[in-house]
Amino acid sequence: NILRQQGDLQGALECFRMAAVETGCCEGWDACGEMLRGVAEWNDASMCCQAALEVNPANIAALLLLGLLSIDAGDVSRALSLFDQVLHIDPSNQKAAQSRLYALNLS
């Protein structure tokens, strides 16, 4: 997104939100969640993930991000469960496997 590259986070977020709402597309919610996590807006990021999962309950990007947000919040047990869900959907997902190992080291 050009707005994001230019440093206009609010403009980029609004663009992604509008696209997600208008199209019902998971990718817009995923992008919003990633950007919000990047600026430590964890509750809003989590809400974006939940919106993406309402569209597609097997959305790997949203499940992974929720797992990372759970680590940020100190909920390692929930993070592990979310990473396990991803690995159930996609057993070869390297990001989920690495994130799971990281979470295990925290517990």
PDB file of N, CA and C in Angstrom:
ATOM      1  N   ASN A   1       0.839  -1.176   0.000  1.00  0.00           N
ATOM      2  CA  ASN A   1       0.000   0.000   0.000  1.00  0.00           C
ATOM      3  C   ASN A   1       0.884   1.239   0.000  1.00  0.00           C
ATOM      4  N   ILE A   2       0.640   2.129  -0.927  1.00  0.00           N
ATOM      5  CA  ILE A   2       1.455   3.339  -1.078  1.00  0.00           C
ATOM      6  C   ILE A   2       1.370   4.223   0.151  1.00  0.00           C
ATOM      7  N   LEU A   3       0.180   4.349   0.727  1.00  0.00           N
ATOM      8  CA  LEU A   3       0.026   5.192   1.918  1.00  0.00           C
ATOM      9  C   LEU A   3       0.915   4.687   3.059  1.00  0.00           C
ATOM     10  N   ARG A   4       0.962   3.389   3.208  1.00  0.00           N
ATOM     11  CA  ARG A   4       1.798   2.788   4.261  1.00  0.00           C
ATOM     12  C   ARG A   4       3.273   3.086   4.010  1.00  0.00           C
ATOM     13  N   GLN A   5       3.698   2.967   2.754  1.00  0.00           N
ATOM     14  CA  GLN A   5       5.091   3.239   2.412  1.00  0.00           C
ATOM     15  C   GLN A   5       5.451   4.697   2.636  1.00  0.00           C
ATOM     16  N   GLN A   6       4.473   5.579   2.495  1.00  0.00           N
ATOM     17  CA  GLN A   6       4.711   7.006   2.702  1.00  0.00           C
ATOM     18  C   GLN A   6       4.596   7.400   4.174  1.00  0.00           C
ATOM     19  N   GLY A   7       4.316   6.431   5.029  1.00  0.00           N
ATOM     20  CA  GLY A   7       4.235   6.712   6.460  1.00  0.00           C
ATOM     21  C   GLY A   7       2.865   7.147   6.938  1.00  0.00           C
ATOM     22  N   ASP A   8       1.851   7.071   6.075  1.00  0.00           N
ATOM     23  CA  ASP A   8       0.496   7.440   6.463  1.00  0.00           C
ATOM     24  C   ASP A   8      -0.233   6.199   6.970  1.00  0.00           C
ATOM     25  N   LEU A   9       0.065   5.816   8.209  1.00  0.00           N
ATOM     26  CA  LEU A   9      -0.505   4.604   8.787  1.00  0.00           C
ATOM     27  C   LEU A   9      -2.024   4.698   8.885  1.00  0.00           C
ATOM     28  N   GLN A  10      -2.531   5.835   9.331  1.00  0.00           N
ATOM     29  CA  GLN A  10      -3.981   5.989   9.471  1.00  0.00           C
ATOM     30  C   GLN A  10      -4.677   5.864   8.110  1.00  0.00           C
ATOM     31  N   GLY A  11      -4.115   6.485   7.097  1.00  0.00           N
ATOM     32  CA  GLY A  11      -4.696   6.391   5.759  1.00  0.00           C
ATOM     33  C   GLY A  11      -4.661   4.967   5.233  1.00  0.00           C
ATOM     34  N   ALA A  12      -3.557   4.287   5.450  1.00  0.00           N
ATOM     35  CA  ALA A  12      -3.431   2.905   5.000  1.00  0.00           C
ATOM     36  C   ALA A  12      -4.421   2.002   5.733  1.00  0.00           C
ATOM     37  N   LEU A  13      -4.540   2.191   7.039  1.00  0.00           N
ATOM     38  CA  LEU A  13      -5.491   1.391   7.816  1.00  0.00           C
ATOM     39  C   LEU A  13      -6.917   1.599   7.312  1.00  0.00           C
ATOM     40  N   GLU A  14      -7.272   2.839   7.059  1.00  0.00           N
ATOM     41  CA  GLU A  14      -8.619   3.135   6.581  1.00  0.00           C
ATOM     42  C   GLU A  14      -8.861   2.490   5.220  1.00  0.00           C
ATOM     43  N   CYS A  15      -7.848   2.520   4.349  1.00  0.00           N
ATOM     44  CA  CYS A  15      -7.964   1.875   3.035  1.00  0.00           C
ATOM     45  C   CYS A  15      -8.201   0.370   3.181  1.00  0.00           C
ATOM     46  N   PHE A  16      -7.395  -0.272   4.008  1.00  0.00           N
ATOM     47  CA  PHE A  16      -7.528  -1.714   4.202  1.00  0.00           C
ATOM     48  C   PHE A  16      -8.872  -2.061   4.842  1.00  0.00           C
ATOM     49  N   ARG A  17      -9.292  -1.255   5.823  1.00  0.00           N
ATOM     50  CA  ARG A  17     -10.589  -1.515   6.468  1.00  0.00           C
ATOM     51  C   ARG A  17     -11.736  -1.389   5.468  1.00  0.00           C
ATOM     52  N   MET A  18     -11.702  -0.340   4.666  1.00  0.00           N
ATOM     53  CA  MET A  18     -12.767  -0.151   3.673  1.00  0.00           C
ATOM     54  C   MET A  18     -12.784  -1.306   2.680  1.00  0.00           C
ATOM     55  N   ALA A  19     -11.613  -1.716   2.240  1.00  0.00           N
ATOM     56  CA  ALA A  19     -11.536  -2.831   1.284  1.00  0.00           C
ATOM     57  C   ALA A  19     -12.064  -4.112   1.922  1.00  0.00           C
ATOM     58  N   ALA A  20     -11.712  -4.344   3.170  1.00  0.00           N
ATOM     59  CA  ALA A  20     -12.152  -5.558   3.856  1.00  0.00           C
ATOM     60  C   ALA A  20     -13.662  -5.559   4.032  1.00  0.00           C
ATOM     61  N   VAL A  21     -14.217  -4.441   4.441  1.00  0.00           N
ATOM     62  CA  VAL A  21     -15.657  -4.360   4.668  1.00  0.00           C
ATOM     63  C   VAL A  21     -16.417  -4.474   3.348  1.00  0.00           C
ATOM     64  N   GLU A  22     -15.961  -3.767   2.328  1.00  0.00           N
ATOM     65  CA  GLU A  22     -16.682  -3.743   1.061  1.00  0.00           C
ATOM     66  C   GLU A  22     -16.597  -5.062   0.303  1.00  0.00           C
ATOM     67  N   THR A  23     -15.469  -5.742   0.395  1.00  0.00           N
ATOM     68  CA  THR A  23     -15.283  -6.969  -0.383  1.00  0.00           C
ATOM     69  C   THR A  23     -15.489  -8.234   0.440  1.00  0.00           C
ATOM     70  N   GLY A  24     -15.484  -8.109   1.766  1.00  0.00           N
ATOM     71  CA  GLY A  24     -15.552  -9.300   2.603  1.00  0.00           C
ATOM     72  C   GLY A  24     -14.288 -10.130   2.502  1.00  0.00           C
ATOM     73  N   CYS A  25     -13.203  -9.487   2.158  1.00  0.00           N
ATOM     74  CA  CYS A  25     -11.930 -10.146   1.887  1.00  0.00           C
ATOM     75  C   CYS A  25     -11.063 -10.231   3.151  1.00  0.00           C
ATOM     76  N   CYS A  26     -10.540 -11.393   3.409  1.00  0.00           N
ATOM     77  CA  CYS A  26      -9.692 -11.602   4.581  1.00  0.00           C
ATOM     78  C   CYS A  26      -8.399 -10.799   4.528  1.00  0.00           C
ATOM     79  N   GLU A  27      -7.846 -10.635   3.337  1.00  0.00           N
ATOM     80  CA  GLU A  27      -6.536 -10.010   3.219  1.00  0.00           C
ATOM     81  C   GLU A  27      -6.516  -8.582   3.762  1.00  0.00           C
ATOM     82  N   GLY A  28      -7.602  -7.850   3.594  1.00  0.00           N
ATOM     83  CA  GLY A  28      -7.670  -6.501   4.142  1.00  0.00           C
ATOM     84  C   GLY A  28      -7.614  -6.514   5.655  1.00  0.00           C
ATOM     85  N   TRP A  29      -8.360  -7.448   6.266  1.00  0.00           N
ATOM     86  CA  TRP A  29      -8.327  -7.569   7.730  1.00  0.00           C
ATOM     87  C   TRP A  29      -6.946  -8.020   8.201  1.00  0.00           C
ATOM     88  N   ASP A  30      -6.344  -8.955   7.455  1.00  0.00           N
ATOM     89  CA  ASP A  30      -4.995  -9.425   7.817  1.00  0.00           C
ATOM     90  C   ASP A  30      -4.001  -8.269   7.800  1.00  0.00           C
ATOM     91  N   ALA A  31      -4.060  -7.450   6.750  1.00  0.00           N
ATOM     92  CA  ALA A  31      -3.136  -6.317   6.630  1.00  0.00           C
ATOM     93  C   ALA A  31      -3.352  -5.309   7.750  1.00  0.00           C
ATOM     94  N   CYS A  32      -4.612  -5.032   8.076  1.00  0.00           N
ATOM     95  CA  CYS A  32      -4.899  -4.123   9.201  1.00  0.00           C
ATOM     96  C   CYS A  32      -4.315  -4.674  10.493  1.00  0.00           C
ATOM     97  N   GLY A  33      -4.534  -5.947  10.728  1.00  0.00           N
ATOM     98  CA  GLY A  33      -4.025  -6.566  11.951  1.00  0.00           C
ATOM     99  C   GLY A  33      -2.517  -6.480  12.067  1.00  0.00           C
ATOM    100  N   GLU A  34      -1.834  -6.758  10.969  1.00  0.00           N
ATOM    101  CA  GLU A  34      -0.363  -6.679  10.968  1.00  0.00           C
ATOM    102  C   GLU A  34       0.121  -5.267  11.273  1.00  0.00           C
ATOM    103  N   MET A  35      -0.512  -4.280  10.631  1.00  0.00           N
ATOM    104  CA  MET A  35      -0.085  -2.896  10.875  1.00  0.00           C
ATOM    105  C   MET A  35      -0.372  -2.473  12.307  1.00  0.00           C
ATOM    106  N   LEU A  36      -1.521  -2.867  12.825  1.00  0.00           N
ATOM    107  CA  LEU A  36      -1.865  -2.485  14.201  1.00  0.00           C
ATOM    108  C   LEU A  36      -0.940  -3.156  15.215  1.00  0.00           C
ATOM    109  N   ARG A  37      -0.567  -4.392  14.962  1.00  0.00           N
ATOM    110  CA  ARG A  37       0.388  -5.044  15.866  1.00  0.00           C
ATOM    111  C   ARG A  37       1.717  -4.296  15.840  1.00  0.00           C
ATOM    112  N   GLY A  38       2.094  -3.821  14.660  1.00  0.00           N
ATOM    113  CA  GLY A  38       3.353  -3.098  14.504  1.00  0.00           C
ATOM    114  C   GLY A  38       3.426  -1.812  15.311  1.00  0.00           C
ATOM    115  N   VAL A  39       2.268  -1.252  15.651  1.00  0.00           N
ATOM    116  CA  VAL A  39       2.254  -0.034  16.470  1.00  0.00           C
ATOM    117  C   VAL A  39       1.663  -0.315  17.852  1.00  0.00           C
ATOM    118  N   ALA A  40       1.708  -1.580  18.257  1.00  0.00           N
ATOM    119  CA  ALA A  40       1.303  -2.034  19.595  1.00  0.00           C
ATOM    120  C   ALA A  40      -0.168  -1.756  19.910  1.00  0.00           C
ATOM    121  N   GLU A  41      -1.015  -1.788  18.900  1.00  0.00           N
ATOM    122  CA  GLU A  41      -2.466  -1.669  19.101  1.00  0.00           C
ATOM    123  C   GLU A  41      -3.049  -3.085  19.086  1.00  0.00           C
ATOM    124  N   TRP A  42      -2.714  -3.839  20.151  1.00  0.00           N
ATOM    125  CA  TRP A  42      -3.003  -5.272  20.158  1.00  0.00           C
ATOM    126  C   TRP A  42      -4.486  -5.605  20.175  1.00  0.00           C
ATOM    127  N   ASN A  43      -5.297  -4.864  20.901  1.00  0.00           N
ATOM    128  CA  ASN A  43      -6.734  -5.159  20.921  1.00  0.00           C
ATOM    129  C   ASN A  43      -7.359  -4.948  19.549  1.00  0.00           C
ATOM    130  N   ASP A  44      -7.019  -3.847  18.903  1.00  0.00           N
ATOM    131  CA  ASP A  44      -7.554  -3.591  17.562  1.00  0.00           C
ATOM    132  C   ASP A  44      -7.032  -4.621  16.561  1.00  0.00           C
ATOM    133  N   ALA A  45      -5.776  -5.006  16.698  1.00  0.00           N
ATOM    134  CA  ALA A  45      -5.213  -6.026  15.811  1.00  0.00           C
ATOM    135  C   ALA A  45      -5.959  -7.348  15.981  1.00  0.00           C
ATOM    136  N   SER A  46      -6.252  -7.684  17.220  1.00  0.00           N
ATOM    137  CA  SER A  46      -6.989  -8.911  17.503  1.00  0.00           C
ATOM    138  C   SER A  46      -8.391  -8.863  16.895  1.00  0.00           C
ATOM    139  N   MET A  47      -9.032  -7.714  16.965  1.00  0.00           N
ATOM    140  CA  MET A  47     -10.365  -7.570  16.374  1.00  0.00           C
ATOM    141  C   MET A  47     -10.313  -7.757  14.858  1.00  0.00           C
ATOM    142  N   CYS A  48      -9.260  -7.276  14.221  1.00  0.00           N
ATOM    143  CA  CYS A  48      -9.102  -7.489  12.778  1.00  0.00           C
ATOM    144  C   CYS A  48      -8.950  -8.975  12.469  1.00  0.00           C
ATOM    145  N   CYS A  49      -8.178  -9.666  13.277  1.00  0.00           N
ATOM    146  CA  CYS A  49      -8.009 -11.116  13.079  1.00  0.00           C
ATOM    147  C   CYS A  49      -9.338 -11.838  13.231  1.00  0.00           C
ATOM    148  N   GLN A  50     -10.105 -11.452  14.246  1.00  0.00           N
ATOM    149  CA  GLN A  50     -11.409 -12.079  14.453  1.00  0.00           C
ATOM    150  C   GLN A  50     -12.329 -11.837  13.259  1.00  0.00           C
ATOM    151  N   ALA A  51     -12.278 -10.630  12.699  1.00  0.00           N
ATOM    152  CA  ALA A  51     -13.093 -10.322  11.523  1.00  0.00           C
ATOM    153  C   ALA A  51     -12.671 -11.192  10.337  1.00  0.00           C
ATOM    154  N   ALA A  52     -11.368 -11.381  10.163  1.00  0.00           N
ATOM    155  CA  ALA A  52     -10.873 -12.236   9.074  1.00  0.00           C
ATOM    156  C   ALA A  52     -11.326 -13.682   9.279  1.00  0.00           C
ATOM    157  N   LEU A  53     -11.303 -14.134  10.526  1.00  0.00           N
ATOM    158  CA  LEU A  53     -11.705 -15.512  10.817  1.00  0.00           C
ATOM    159  C   LEU A  53     -13.205 -15.720  10.653  1.00  0.00           C
ATOM    160  N   GLU A  54     -13.983 -14.667  10.788  1.00  0.00           N
ATOM    161  CA  GLU A  54     -15.423 -14.783  10.524  1.00  0.00           C
ATOM    162  C   GLU A  54     -15.663 -15.046   9.040  1.00  0.00           C
ATOM    163  N   VAL A  55     -14.828 -14.465   8.195  1.00  0.00           N
ATOM    164  CA  VAL A  55     -14.938 -14.689   6.753  1.00  0.00           C
ATOM    165  C   VAL A  55     -14.418 -16.077   6.401  1.00  0.00           C
ATOM    166  N   ASN A  56     -13.280 -16.453   6.993  1.00  0.00           N
ATOM    167  CA  ASN A  56     -12.651 -17.748   6.713  1.00  0.00           C
ATOM    168  C   ASN A  56     -12.026 -18.287   7.987  1.00  0.00           C
ATOM    169  N   PRO A  57     -12.688 -19.228   8.654  1.00  0.00           N
ATOM    170  CA  PRO A  57     -12.171 -19.759   9.927  1.00  0.00           C
ATOM    171  C   PRO A  57     -10.807 -20.457   9.816  1.00  0.00           C
ATOM    172  N   ALA A  58     -10.393 -20.787   8.607  1.00  0.00           N
ATOM    173  CA  ALA A  58      -9.093 -21.441   8.400  1.00  0.00           C
ATOM    174  C   ALA A  58      -8.053 -20.462   7.865  1.00  0.00           C
ATOM    175  N   ASN A  59      -8.247 -19.173   8.110  1.00  0.00           N
ATOM    176  CA  ASN A  59      -7.323 -18.146   7.623  1.00  0.00           C
ATOM    177  C   ASN A  59      -6.008 -18.252   8.397  1.00  0.00           C
ATOM    178  N   ILE A  60      -5.009 -18.772   7.739  1.00  0.00           N
ATOM    179  CA  ILE A  60      -3.718 -19.020   8.389  1.00  0.00           C
ATOM    180  C   ILE A  60      -3.071 -17.731   8.861  1.00  0.00           C
ATOM    181  N   ALA A  61      -3.114 -16.684   8.057  1.00  0.00           N
ATOM    182  CA  ALA A  61      -2.489 -15.407   8.451  1.00  0.00           C
ATOM    183  C   ALA A  61      -3.110 -14.871   9.733  1.00  0.00           C
ATOM    184  N   ALA A  62      -4.435 -14.943   9.839  1.00  0.00           N
ATOM    185  CA  ALA A  62      -5.114 -14.444  11.039  1.00  0.00           C
ATOM    186  C   ALA A  62      -4.796 -15.307  12.256  1.00  0.00           C
ATOM    187  N   LEU A  63      -4.764 -16.618  12.076  1.00  0.00           N
ATOM    188  CA  LEU A  63      -4.438 -17.514  13.194  1.00  0.00           C
ATOM    189  C   LEU A  63      -3.005 -17.282  13.682  1.00  0.00           C
ATOM    190  N   LEU A  64      -2.087 -17.126  12.727  1.00  0.00           N
ATOM    191  CA  LEU A  64      -0.693 -16.855  13.109  1.00  0.00           C
ATOM    192  C   LEU A  64      -0.575 -15.535  13.859  1.00  0.00           C
ATOM    193  N   LEU A  65      -1.236 -14.508  13.349  1.00  0.00           N
ATOM    194  CA  LEU A  65      -1.153 -13.205  13.999  1.00  0.00           C
ATOM    195  C   LEU A  65      -1.780 -13.253  15.384  1.00  0.00           C
ATOM    196  N   LEU A  66      -2.908 -13.945  15.531  1.00  0.00           N
ATOM    197  CA  LEU A  66      -3.495 -14.092  16.866  1.00  0.00           C
ATOM    198  C   LEU A  66      -2.544 -14.813  17.811  1.00  0.00           C
ATOM    199  N   GLY A  67      -1.817 -15.786  17.289  1.00  0.00           N
ATOM    200  CA  GLY A  67      -0.822 -16.476  18.112  1.00  0.00           C
ATOM    201  C   GLY A  67       0.276 -15.526  18.574  1.00  0.00           C
ATOM    202  N   LEU A  68       0.756 -14.697  17.663  1.00  0.00           N
ATOM    203  CA  LEU A  68       1.797 -13.723  18.019  1.00  0.00           C
ATOM    204  C   LEU A  68       1.257 -12.685  18.998  1.00  0.00           C
ATOM    205  N   LEU A  69       0.019 -12.257  18.793  1.00  0.00           N
ATOM    206  CA  LEU A  69      -0.602 -11.317  19.727  1.00  0.00           C
ATOM    207  C   LEU A  69      -0.765 -11.949  21.107  1.00  0.00           C
ATOM    208  N   SER A  70      -1.050 -13.238  21.131  1.00  0.00           N
ATOM    209  CA  SER A  70      -1.165 -13.945  22.407  1.00  0.00           C
ATOM    210  C   SER A  70       0.176 -13.977  23.135  1.00  0.00           C
ATOM    211  N   ILE A  71       1.250 -14.167  22.386  1.00  0.00           N
ATOM    212  CA  ILE A  71       2.586 -14.105  22.998  1.00  0.00           C
ATOM    213  C   ILE A  71       2.826 -12.704  23.545  1.00  0.00           C
ATOM    214  N   ASP A  72       2.486 -11.683  22.752  1.00  0.00           N
ATOM    215  CA  ASP A  72       2.649 -10.296  23.201  1.00  0.00           C
ATOM    216  C   ASP A  72       1.913 -10.057  24.511  1.00  0.00           C
ATOM    217  N   ALA A  73       0.752 -10.695  24.661  1.00  0.00           N
ATOM    218  CA  ALA A  73      -0.073 -10.514  25.860  1.00  0.00           C
ATOM    219  C   ALA A  73       0.331 -11.451  26.989  1.00  0.00           C
ATOM    220  N   GLY A  74       1.313 -12.320  26.733  1.00  0.00           N
ATOM    221  CA  GLY A  74       1.777 -13.239  27.767  1.00  0.00           C
ATOM    222  C   GLY A  74       0.951 -14.510  27.882  1.00  0.00           C
ATOM    223  N   ASP A  75       0.074 -14.771  26.930  1.00  0.00           N
ATOM    224  CA  ASP A  75      -0.770 -15.963  26.961  1.00  0.00           C
ATOM    225  C   ASP A  75      -0.168 -17.037  26.057  1.00  0.00           C
ATOM    226  N   VAL A  76       0.875 -17.680  26.566  1.00  0.00           N
ATOM    227  CA  VAL A  76       1.621 -18.661  25.776  1.00  0.00           C
ATOM    228  C   VAL A  76       0.756 -19.878  25.451  1.00  0.00           C
ATOM    229  N   SER A  77      -0.097 -20.272  26.376  1.00  0.00           N
ATOM    230  CA  SER A  77      -0.956 -21.434  26.154  1.00  0.00           C
ATOM    231  C   SER A  77      -1.878 -21.208  24.944  1.00  0.00           C
ATOM    232  N   ARG A  78      -2.474 -20.042  24.879  1.00  0.00           N
ATOM    233  CA  ARG A  78      -3.344 -19.725  23.739  1.00  0.00           C
ATOM    234  C   ARG A  78      -2.527 -19.657  22.452  1.00  0.00           C
ATOM    235  N   ALA A  79      -1.341 -19.071  22.533  1.00  0.00           N
ATOM    236  CA  ALA A  79      -0.474 -18.986  21.357  1.00  0.00           C
ATOM    237  C   ALA A  79      -0.172 -20.382  20.818  1.00  0.00           C
ATOM    238  N   LEU A  80       0.190 -21.289  21.703  1.00  0.00           N
ATOM    239  CA  LEU A  80       0.501 -22.658  21.276  1.00  0.00           C
ATOM    240  C   LEU A  80      -0.701 -23.312  20.602  1.00  0.00           C
ATOM    241  N   SER A  81      -1.881 -23.095  21.175  1.00  0.00           N
ATOM    242  CA  SER A  81      -3.089 -23.658  20.593  1.00  0.00           C
ATOM    243  C   SER A  81      -3.338 -23.112  19.183  1.00  0.00           C
ATOM    244  N   LEU A  82      -3.129 -21.815  18.999  1.00  0.00           N
ATOM    245  CA  LEU A  82      -3.324 -21.208  17.687  1.00  0.00           C
ATOM    246  C   LEU A  82      -2.297 -21.710  16.672  1.00  0.00           C
ATOM    247  N   PHE A  83      -1.040 -21.832  17.100  1.00  0.00           N
ATOM    248  CA  PHE A  83      -0.016 -22.354  16.186  1.00  0.00           C
ATOM    249  C   PHE A  83      -0.311 -23.808  15.825  1.00  0.00           C
ATOM    250  N   ASP A  84      -0.833 -24.571  16.793  1.00  0.00           N
ATOM    251  CA  ASP A  84      -1.220 -25.955  16.509  1.00  0.00           C
ATOM    252  C   ASP A  84      -2.358 -26.007  15.483  1.00  0.00           C
ATOM    253  N   GLN A  85      -3.306 -25.058  15.566  1.00  0.00           N
ATOM    254  CA  GLN A  85      -4.390 -25.006  14.582  1.00  0.00           C
ATOM    255  C   GLN A  85      -3.828 -24.788  13.178  1.00  0.00           C
ATOM    256  N   VAL A  86      -2.861 -23.879  13.073  1.00  0.00           N
ATOM    257  CA  VAL A  86      -2.250 -23.622  11.772  1.00  0.00           C
ATOM    258  C   VAL A  86      -1.561 -24.882  11.259  1.00  0.00           C
ATOM    259  N   LEU A  87      -0.820 -25.543  12.130  1.00  0.00           N
ATOM    260  CA  LEU A  87      -0.098 -26.745  11.707  1.00  0.00           C
ATOM    261  C   LEU A  87      -1.043 -27.889  11.364  1.00  0.00           C
ATOM    262  N   HIS A  88      -2.223 -27.892  11.949  1.00  0.00           N
ATOM    263  CA  HIS A  88      -3.230 -28.888  11.576  1.00  0.00           C
ATOM    264  C   HIS A  88      -3.721 -28.614  10.149  1.00  0.00           C
ATOM    265  N   ILE A  89      -3.898 -27.341   9.814  1.00  0.00           N
ATOM    266  CA  ILE A  89      -4.352 -26.937   8.475  1.00  0.00           C
ATOM    267  C   ILE A  89      -3.226 -27.111   7.454  1.00  0.00           C
ATOM    268  N   ASP A  90      -2.017 -26.697   7.850  1.00  0.00           N
ATOM    269  CA  ASP A  90      -0.863 -26.721   6.947  1.00  0.00           C
ATOM    270  C   ASP A  90       0.356 -27.241   7.716  1.00  0.00           C
ATOM    271  N   PRO A  91       0.531 -28.567   7.743  1.00  0.00           N
ATOM    272  CA  PRO A  91       1.611 -29.162   8.539  1.00  0.00           C
ATOM    273  C   PRO A  91       3.021 -28.688   8.168  1.00  0.00           C
ATOM    274  N   SER A  92       3.199 -28.124   6.990  1.00  0.00           N
ATOM    275  CA  SER A  92       4.534 -27.688   6.584  1.00  0.00           C
ATOM    276  C   SER A  92       4.740 -26.181   6.774  1.00  0.00           C
ATOM    277  N   ASN A  93       3.850 -25.517   7.500  1.00  0.00           N
ATOM    278  CA  ASN A  93       3.952 -24.073   7.679  1.00  0.00           C
ATOM    279  C   ASN A  93       5.126 -23.759   8.613  1.00  0.00           C
ATOM    280  N   GLN A  94       6.181 -23.210   8.028  1.00  0.00           N
ATOM    281  CA  GLN A  94       7.411 -22.934   8.774  1.00  0.00           C
ATOM    282  C   GLN A  94       7.241 -21.828   9.810  1.00  0.00           C
ATOM    283  N   LYS A  95       6.467 -20.812   9.476  1.00  0.00           N
ATOM    284  CA  LYS A  95       6.267 -19.715  10.422  1.00  0.00           C
ATOM    285  C   LYS A  95       5.554 -20.215  11.678  1.00  0.00           C
ATOM    286  N   ALA A  96       4.554 -21.064  11.503  1.00  0.00           N
ATOM    287  CA  ALA A  96       3.845 -21.620  12.652  1.00  0.00           C
ATOM    288  C   ALA A  96       4.770 -22.519  13.475  1.00  0.00           C
ATOM    289  N   ALA A  97       5.569 -23.329  12.792  1.00  0.00           N
ATOM    290  CA  ALA A  97       6.487 -24.226  13.506  1.00  0.00           C
ATOM    291  C   ALA A  97       7.521 -23.433  14.296  1.00  0.00           C
ATOM    292  N   GLN A  98       8.087 -22.400  13.685  1.00  0.00           N
ATOM    293  CA  GLN A  98       9.085 -21.575  14.372  1.00  0.00           C
ATOM    294  C   GLN A  98       8.467 -20.792  15.520  1.00  0.00           C
ATOM    295  N   SER A  99       7.282 -20.255  15.291  1.00  0.00           N
ATOM    296  CA  SER A  99       6.604 -19.497  16.342  1.00  0.00           C
ATOM    297  C   SER A  99       6.232 -20.400  17.503  1.00  0.00           C
ATOM    298  N   ARG A 100       5.848 -21.640  17.197  1.00  0.00           N
ATOM    299  CA  ARG A 100       5.511 -22.600  18.243  1.00  0.00           C
ATOM    300  C   ARG A 100       6.737 -22.908  19.097  1.00  0.00           C
ATOM    301  N   LEU A 101       7.883 -23.107  18.449  1.00  0.00           N
ATOM    302  CA  LEU A 101       9.115 -23.361  19.201  1.00  0.00           C
ATOM    303  C   LEU A 101       9.479 -22.167  20.075  1.00  0.00           C
ATOM    304  N   TYR A 102       9.330 -20.974  19.548  1.00  0.00           N
ATOM    305  CA  TYR A 102       9.602 -19.769  20.316  1.00  0.00           C
ATOM    306  C   TYR A 102       8.698 -19.707  21.539  1.00  0.00           C
ATOM    307  N   ALA A 103       7.402 -19.983  21.341  1.00  0.00           N
ATOM    308  CA  ALA A 103       6.446 -19.957  22.455  1.00  0.00           C
ATOM    309  C   ALA A 103       6.782 -21.015  23.491  1.00  0.00           C
ATOM    310  N   LEU A 104       7.194 -22.186  23.038  1.00  0.00           N
ATOM    311  CA  LEU A 104       7.581 -23.247  23.984  1.00  0.00           C
ATOM    312  C   LEU A 104       8.752 -22.813  24.861  1.00  0.00           C
ATOM    313  N   ASN A 105       9.691 -22.082  24.266  1.00  0.00           N
ATOM    314  CA  ASN A 105      10.831 -21.601  25.031  1.00  0.00           C
ATOM    315  C   ASN A 105      10.450 -20.556  26.066  1.00  0.00           C
ATOM    316  N   LEU A 106       9.308 -19.898  25.859  1.00  0.00           N
ATOM    317  CA  LEU A 106       8.839 -18.901  26.817  1.00  0.00           C
ATOM    318  C   LEU A 106       8.158 -19.511  28.014  1.00  0.00           C
ATOM    319  N   SER A 107       7.635 -20.733  27.824  1.00  0.00           N
ATOM    320  CA  SER A 107       6.870 -21.343  28.922  1.00  0.00           C
ATOM    321  C   SER A 107       7.740 -22.070  29.914  1.00  0.00           C
TER     322      SER A 107
END
